[in-house]
Protein backbone atom coordinates (compact mmCIF):
# COMPACT_ATOMS: atom_id res chain seq x y z
CA MET A 1 301.93 238.99 237.00
CA THR A 2 298.20 239.47 236.18
CA GLU A 3 297.52 238.95 240.18
CA VAL A 4 300.03 241.72 240.80
CA PHE A 5 298.83 244.26 238.10
CA LEU A 6 295.31 243.76 239.15
CA ALA A 7 295.92 244.17 243.01
CA THR A 8 297.78 247.61 242.23
CA ALA A 9 295.03 248.74 239.79
CA LEU A 10 292.36 248.28 242.73
CA ALA A 11 294.46 249.69 245.26
CA LEU A 12 294.89 252.63 243.13
CA ALA A 13 291.31 253.04 242.32
CA GLY A 14 290.32 252.93 245.96
CA ALA A 15 293.17 255.29 247.19
CA PHE A 16 292.39 257.83 244.37
CA GLY A 17 288.65 257.33 244.76
CA LEU A 18 288.61 258.32 248.60
CA LEU A 19 291.22 260.95 247.90
CA TRP A 20 288.75 262.36 245.58
CA LEU A 21 285.99 262.25 248.21
CA LEU A 22 288.22 264.03 250.82
CA SER A 23 288.75 266.72 248.21
CA LEU A 24 284.98 267.33 247.90
CA THR A 25 284.88 267.94 251.71
CA LEU A 26 287.84 270.20 251.53
CA ARG A 27 287.41 271.83 248.41
CA ASP A 28 290.90 271.47 247.78
CA ALA A 29 291.86 269.09 244.73
CA SER A 30 295.79 270.08 245.60
CA ILE A 31 295.75 267.18 248.14
CA VAL A 32 296.32 264.95 245.12
CA ASP A 33 299.74 266.38 244.69
CA ILE A 34 300.78 265.37 248.24
CA PHE A 35 299.50 261.79 247.64
CA TRP A 36 301.74 261.23 244.32
CA GLY A 37 304.92 260.14 246.12
CA VAL A 38 303.02 258.38 248.77
CA GLY A 39 301.01 256.49 245.92
CA PHE A 40 303.99 254.98 244.22
CA VAL A 41 305.05 253.57 247.85
CA MET A 42 301.85 251.91 248.18
CA VAL A 43 301.88 250.30 244.62
CA ALA A 44 305.33 249.14 245.39
CA TRP A 45 304.48 247.47 248.89
CA VAL A 46 301.24 245.92 247.17
CA ALA A 47 303.10 244.47 244.57
CA TYR A 48 305.67 243.33 246.69
CA VAL A 49 302.85 241.41 249.05
CA THR A 50 300.99 240.16 246.07
CA GLY A 51 304.11 238.90 244.22
CA GLU A 52 305.15 236.86 246.90
CA ALA A 53 308.47 238.48 246.59
CA GLU A 54 311.35 236.77 248.31
CA HIS A 55 314.55 237.79 247.07
CA GLY A 56 317.02 240.75 247.93
CA ARG A 57 316.33 242.53 244.71
CA HIS A 58 312.67 242.90 245.63
CA LEU A 59 313.32 244.35 248.74
CA VAL A 60 315.88 246.72 247.34
CA LEU A 61 313.17 248.32 244.91
CA ALA A 62 310.51 248.64 247.52
CA VAL A 63 312.83 250.22 249.63
CA ALA A 64 313.99 252.65 247.00
CA VAL A 65 310.63 253.53 246.10
CA SER A 66 309.46 254.18 249.63
CA VAL A 67 312.82 256.69 250.54
CA TRP A 68 311.89 258.64 247.33
CA GLY A 69 307.99 258.77 247.66
CA LEU A 70 307.75 259.42 251.26
CA ARG A 71 310.42 262.27 251.28
CA LEU A 72 308.55 263.81 248.25
CA GLY A 73 305.20 263.38 250.01
CA GLY A 74 306.64 264.83 253.36
CA TYR A 75 308.09 267.86 251.59
CA LEU A 76 304.73 268.63 249.51
CA ALA A 77 302.80 268.21 252.58
CA TRP A 78 305.10 270.66 254.43
CA ARG A 79 304.99 273.13 251.52
CA ASN A 80 301.06 273.20 250.83
CA ILE A 81 299.15 272.23 253.94
CA GLY A 82 297.37 275.46 254.98
CA LYS A 83 298.20 277.30 251.86
CA GLY A 84 294.89 276.87 250.08
CA GLU A 85 294.21 275.28 246.58
CA ASP A 86 296.85 275.38 243.94
CA PRO A 87 296.28 277.75 241.28
CA ARG A 88 296.26 275.30 238.60
CA TYR A 89 293.03 273.29 240.28
CA GLN A 90 291.57 276.76 240.83
CA ALA A 91 291.63 277.44 237.07
CA MET A 92 290.03 274.06 236.42
CA ARG A 93 287.54 274.72 238.99
CA HIS A 94 286.53 278.30 237.41
CA ARG A 95 286.59 276.57 233.76
CA TRP A 96 284.41 273.61 234.89
CA GLY A 97 281.99 275.50 237.20
CA GLY A 98 279.51 273.45 238.99
CA ARG A 99 280.47 270.22 237.13
CA PHE A 100 284.07 270.19 238.68
CA TRP A 101 283.12 268.01 241.35
CA TRP A 102 282.58 265.12 239.22
CA VAL A 103 284.84 266.16 236.35
CA SER A 104 287.83 266.16 238.68
CA LEU A 105 287.48 262.53 239.61
CA PHE A 106 288.36 261.44 236.00
CA THR A 107 290.63 264.61 234.87
CA VAL A 108 292.71 264.78 238.23
CA PHE A 109 292.35 261.77 240.38
CA LEU A 110 291.86 258.81 238.39
CA LEU A 111 293.88 260.19 235.47
CA GLN A 112 296.82 260.28 238.06
CA GLY A 113 295.96 257.03 239.00
CA LEU A 114 296.40 255.58 235.77
CA ILE A 115 299.83 257.51 235.19
CA MET A 116 300.70 256.35 238.44
CA TRP A 117 300.14 252.52 237.51
CA ILE A 118 301.93 252.91 234.11
CA VAL A 119 304.99 254.74 235.36
CA SER A 120 305.61 251.92 238.21
CA LEU A 121 305.47 249.12 235.85
CA PRO A 122 309.29 248.39 236.04
CA VAL A 123 308.78 247.89 239.74
CA GLN A 124 305.28 245.96 239.64
CA VAL A 125 306.92 243.38 236.83
CA ALA A 126 310.06 242.76 238.87
CA MET A 127 307.87 242.15 242.00
CA ALA A 128 306.03 239.57 239.95
CA SER A 129 309.31 237.87 238.91
CA GLU A 130 309.85 234.47 240.96
CA GLY A 131 313.15 233.47 239.29
CA PRO A 132 316.39 233.93 241.13
CA ASP A 133 318.78 236.98 241.29
CA THR A 134 320.18 237.16 237.74
CA PHE A 135 322.25 240.17 237.43
CA TRP A 136 323.10 242.48 240.40
CA PRO A 137 325.56 244.88 238.31
CA ALA A 138 322.33 246.28 236.60
CA VAL A 139 320.72 246.52 240.19
CA VAL A 140 323.85 248.42 241.56
CA ILE A 141 323.86 250.67 238.50
CA GLY A 142 320.40 251.27 238.60
CA ILE A 143 320.47 252.42 242.37
CA LEU A 144 323.44 254.49 241.65
CA VAL A 145 321.29 256.46 239.13
CA TRP A 146 318.18 256.62 241.67
CA ALA A 147 320.40 257.93 244.17
CA THR A 148 321.52 260.45 241.93
CA GLY A 149 317.92 261.72 241.44
CA VAL A 150 317.09 261.44 244.85
CA SER A 151 320.04 263.58 245.91
CA PHE A 152 319.12 266.23 243.13
CA GLU A 153 315.58 266.46 244.23
CA THR A 154 316.40 266.66 247.76
CA VAL A 155 319.40 269.20 247.52
CA GLY A 156 317.15 271.37 245.00
CA ASP A 157 314.15 271.45 247.08
CA TYR A 158 316.17 272.38 250.24
CA GLN A 159 318.01 275.08 248.24
CA LEU A 160 314.72 276.37 246.93
CA ALA A 161 313.22 276.53 250.49
CA ARG A 162 316.04 278.38 252.05
CA PHE A 163 315.86 280.92 249.16
CA LYS A 164 312.03 281.64 249.53
CA ALA A 165 312.50 281.71 253.45
CA ASP A 166 314.48 284.86 252.94
CA PRO A 167 312.30 288.02 252.74
CA GLU A 168 314.78 289.84 250.50
CA ASN A 169 314.35 287.31 247.99
CA LYS A 170 310.73 287.76 247.60
CA GLY A 171 309.94 288.01 243.72
CA MET A 172 313.27 287.11 242.49
CA VAL A 173 314.62 284.20 240.68
CA MET A 174 316.65 281.33 242.32
CA ASP A 175 319.62 280.73 240.24
CA GLY A 176 322.15 279.30 242.73
CA GLY A 177 323.26 276.07 243.74
CA LEU A 178 321.78 273.47 241.57
CA TRP A 179 319.31 275.89 239.99
CA ARG A 180 322.51 277.50 238.22
CA TYR A 181 322.74 274.37 236.14
CA THR A 182 319.24 273.47 235.55
CA ARG A 183 315.97 275.59 235.77
CA HIS A 184 314.34 272.40 237.37
CA PRO A 185 316.77 270.14 239.41
CA ASN A 186 313.74 268.55 241.12
CA TYR A 187 312.14 267.52 237.97
CA PHE A 188 315.40 266.19 236.63
CA GLY A 189 315.66 264.27 239.85
CA ASP A 190 312.39 262.60 239.26
CA PHE A 191 313.95 261.64 235.80
CA MET A 192 317.03 259.97 237.22
CA VAL A 193 314.90 258.15 239.82
CA TRP A 194 312.69 256.30 237.55
CA TRP A 195 315.05 255.59 234.83
CA GLY A 196 317.15 254.36 237.91
CA LEU A 197 314.46 251.99 239.13
CA TYR A 198 313.99 250.82 235.47
CA LEU A 199 317.62 249.87 235.14
CA ALA A 200 317.71 248.12 238.57
CA SER A 201 314.69 246.10 237.63
CA LEU A 202 316.56 244.77 234.48
CA GLY A 203 318.60 242.95 237.09
CA THR A 204 315.89 240.98 238.04
CA ILE A 205 314.19 239.61 234.65
CA ASP A 206 314.12 241.16 231.33
CA PRO A 207 311.22 243.48 231.28
CA TRP A 208 312.66 245.50 228.67
CA TRP A 209 309.09 246.77 227.60
CA THR A 210 308.67 248.52 230.84
CA PHE A 211 310.64 251.21 229.77
CA ILE A 212 307.25 252.66 228.65
CA GLY A 213 306.98 253.57 232.53
CA PRO A 214 309.79 255.89 232.95
CA ALA A 215 309.45 257.07 229.26
CA LEU A 216 306.05 258.50 230.26
CA MET A 217 307.52 260.12 233.26
CA SER A 218 310.00 261.87 231.35
CA PHE A 219 307.30 263.06 228.64
CA MET A 220 305.13 264.34 231.36
CA LEU A 221 308.03 266.11 233.44
CA ILE A 222 309.38 267.79 230.16
CA ARG A 223 306.36 268.45 227.91
CA VAL A 224 303.27 268.21 230.07
CA SER A 225 302.70 268.98 233.80
CA GLY A 226 306.39 269.77 234.92
CA VAL A 227 308.62 272.22 232.84
CA ALA A 228 306.22 273.31 230.09
CA MET A 229 303.07 274.14 232.55
CA LEU A 230 305.38 275.77 235.32
CA GLU A 231 307.01 277.86 232.87
CA ARG A 232 304.09 278.91 230.77
CA SER A 233 303.41 281.78 233.40
CA ILE A 234 306.41 281.84 235.59
CA GLY A 235 308.01 284.61 233.51
CA LYS A 236 305.15 287.00 234.18
CA ARG A 237 305.43 286.41 238.11
CA ARG A 238 309.21 286.77 238.03
CA PRO A 239 311.21 289.44 236.85
CA GLY A 240 314.30 288.48 235.29
CA TYR A 241 313.02 284.79 234.58
CA ASP A 242 313.47 285.23 230.80
CA GLU A 243 317.24 286.06 231.15
CA TYR A 244 317.53 283.08 233.35
CA ILE A 245 315.85 281.02 230.74
CA ARG A 246 318.24 282.33 228.04
CA ARG A 247 321.39 281.18 230.22
CA THR A 248 320.25 278.17 232.00
CA SER A 249 319.14 274.79 230.90
CA SER A 250 315.72 274.05 230.93
CA PHE A 251 316.25 270.29 232.22
CA PHE A 252 319.50 268.34 231.79
CA PRO A 253 322.12 270.19 234.11
CA ARG A 254 324.91 272.00 231.88
CA ARG A 255 327.13 275.08 232.80
CA PRO A 256 325.22 278.21 232.28
CA LYS A 257 325.76 280.32 229.12
CA SER A 258 327.89 283.24 229.78
CA PRO A 259 326.11 286.67 229.46
CA THR A 260 327.36 287.32 226.00
CA ALA A 261 326.32 284.09 224.57
CA ALA A 262 322.84 284.03 226.27
CA GLY A 263 322.03 287.46 224.73
CA GLY A 264 323.29 286.48 221.40
CA GLY A 265 320.74 283.81 221.09
């Protein structure tokens, strides 16, 4: 297991170091977002090779991470390339001034690498397990949860892209499709993906303690870089978003509140 941990840590440090150097050349730290999903794919396959995985469950996990990560990376590349640096990183660049070039190495790139390493612990530990397949029902249940998450992300991203592509919707709030039931179907999808992968890993060994991976992802999505960060300013940019907040769940899907109930508190 130590060999797997060391190999994935070195791979992430090297990849994010090179990505940081590229960001200095491009003057665009946003490229780290495109690599987010792809980095998990790298971790899964490095762990697969280093752990000498040879059972069906190992391949299932590696493929599941690859499907999720490559779809996400491809979508973010399509959405972000050519659009300039994300306002979040522009704000950091303005705050740190001439020091941003080296501060970003630690606060943007290596930090994301560390988070990625922790979140992927269920996959890494499962790959390091050399025992025979033990409990396939857990793998099946986990993959069903994972598939629900991938579906939420894919459908939610598609619906939002179509909405934004219509010039008549400029400045308006997307509140149809999955976005009618949760303000962030893509973040909820990520949540389901990583809890699903954790459940699937329980069918290989008993790495109960690796729940810290999906727990960290959940915390980031809900309290730090996901819902909380995005909604800090979106109300100012989207007329009607405050009303959307009142009637629509922030994260877990549920039926929207009626206008009367929403208005009453």
